[in-house]
């Protein structure tokens, strides 16, 4: 039963991220290409995902400014937490709305690295094949 609940929770979180990015015009900021690929696999619009690797803070902020706000989905390791706090702080000081709620929710599910969502999606589809079209 725990697996079923975790599956529903992940699906709900991803659905909420998709709604926030599409309907509320938020960018989804991730650290790297594998994170982006995992989110695309989960149904997040690739045009809303900003990969921050190899970009300085000004470049990231300039991309975020094209949206109403940003969802920060950095890994929940030491480096990711530091980068996320810094980006959130700087973006907020620039008047950009920042949503970092989802990464802590994913962390509570045991997902430390955003790229793990892709593996969880494989489990989700294997467990409930009808959800692969969400």
Foldseek 3Di string as FASTA:
>chain_A
DVLVVLLVLLLVLLVVVQCCCPVQVAAEEEADDLLLVLNVQSPHPSVRYDHCHPHDLVVVLVVRVVTQAYEYAYFQDPVRVVVVVVSCVVNVVVVHDYHPPSNVVVVVSVGRGSSCSNVVVVVSCVVPVVPSVD
